[in-house]
C-alpha cells in the first residue's frame, strides 16, 4: 500500500515519443507500462533516520561512524 502525500490519489498520464518524467518520493507507488528506461535513485538521510540512527542502535560506536563518514567523503 502506498503512503505519503500522494497516497490514495490516482494520476494517469500518457507521455510522448521522447518523454522525460521526474517523480518525487512522495508519489509512493508508480506503475509504468510499455517499453521504458527507468532510472531510480535514492538519497539517504544520513542523520539520523537512514544510516547513523540504525547503526548507533545496533551498537556501533560514534567514533567509528565518524571515521567511515570521513572516508566516504574522500572517495
Protein backbone atom coordinates (compact mmCIF):
# COMPACT_ATOMS: atom_id res chain seq x y z
CA UNK A 1 0.00 0.00 0.00
CA UNK A 2 1.35 3.42 -0.95
CA UNK A 3 1.82 6.08 1.67
CA UNK A 4 2.93 9.68 1.62
CA UNK A 5 1.34 12.88 0.30
CA UNK A 6 0.05 11.16 -2.87
CA UNK A 7 -1.49 8.16 -1.08
CA UNK A 8 -4.93 7.35 -2.37
CA UNK A 9 -4.61 9.62 -5.40
CA UNK A 10 -4.55 8.33 -8.95
CA UNK A 11 -2.93 10.06 -11.90
CA UNK A 12 -2.79 8.63 -15.39
CA UNK A 13 -0.52 10.33 -17.86
CA UNK A 14 0.50 9.40 -21.40
CA UNK A 15 3.87 10.74 -22.42
CA UNK A 16 5.05 11.49 -25.97
CA UNK A 17 7.82 9.95 -28.12
CA UNK A 18 10.86 11.08 -26.12
CA UNK A 19 9.41 11.81 -22.72
CA UNK A 20 11.17 12.54 -19.51
CA UNK A 21 9.46 12.46 -16.15
CA UNK A 22 10.80 13.20 -12.70
CA UNK A 23 8.75 11.82 -9.84
CA UNK A 24 9.38 12.65 -6.21
CA UNK A 25 9.42 10.13 -3.40
CA UNK A 26 6.00 11.41 -2.31
CA UNK A 27 4.46 9.55 -5.25
CA UNK A 28 4.63 6.33 -3.26
CA UNK A 29 3.69 3.65 -5.77
CA UNK A 30 4.23 4.08 -9.52
CA UNK A 31 3.29 1.76 -12.37
CA UNK A 32 5.00 2.13 -15.73
CA UNK A 33 3.64 0.25 -18.75
CA UNK A 34 5.19 -0.20 -22.17
CA UNK A 35 8.84 -0.06 -23.12
CA UNK A 36 10.75 2.30 -20.86
CA UNK A 37 14.19 3.07 -19.50
CA UNK A 38 13.85 3.78 -15.80
CA UNK A 39 16.48 5.26 -13.52
CA UNK A 40 15.80 5.01 -9.82
CA UNK A 41 17.79 6.98 -7.31
CA UNK A 42 17.69 7.34 -3.58
CA UNK A 43 19.45 9.91 -1.45
CA UNK A 44 19.52 8.61 2.12
CA UNK A 45 19.06 10.83 5.12
CA UNK A 46 22.45 10.25 6.76
CA UNK A 47 21.44 11.69 10.08
CA UNK A 48 19.62 10.19 11.88
CA UNK A 49 16.94 8.12 10.14
CA UNK A 50 18.57 6.02 7.41
CA UNK A 51 22.21 5.50 8.36
CA UNK A 52 23.51 6.90 11.61
CA UNK A 53 20.48 6.12 13.78
CA UNK A 54 20.22 2.41 12.89
CA UNK A 55 23.98 1.90 13.21
CA UNK A 56 24.06 3.54 16.64
CA UNK A 57 21.05 1.46 17.69
CA UNK A 58 22.93 -1.67 16.55
CA UNK A 59 25.80 -0.78 18.87
CA UNK A 60 28.36 0.76 16.51
CA UNK A 61 30.35 3.49 18.32
CA UNK A 62 30.13 7.09 17.11
CA UNK A 63 33.94 7.42 16.59
CA UNK A 64 33.78 4.54 14.09
CA UNK A 65 30.87 6.17 12.26
CA UNK A 66 32.72 9.49 12.08
CA UNK A 67 35.72 7.71 10.59
CA UNK A 68 33.54 5.98 7.99
CA UNK A 69 31.79 9.22 7.04
CA UNK A 70 35.17 10.96 6.67
CA UNK A 71 36.45 8.13 4.43
CA UNK A 72 33.33 8.13 2.24
CA UNK A 73 33.61 11.90 1.71
CA UNK A 74 37.09 11.39 0.23
CA UNK A 75 36.01 8.64 -2.20
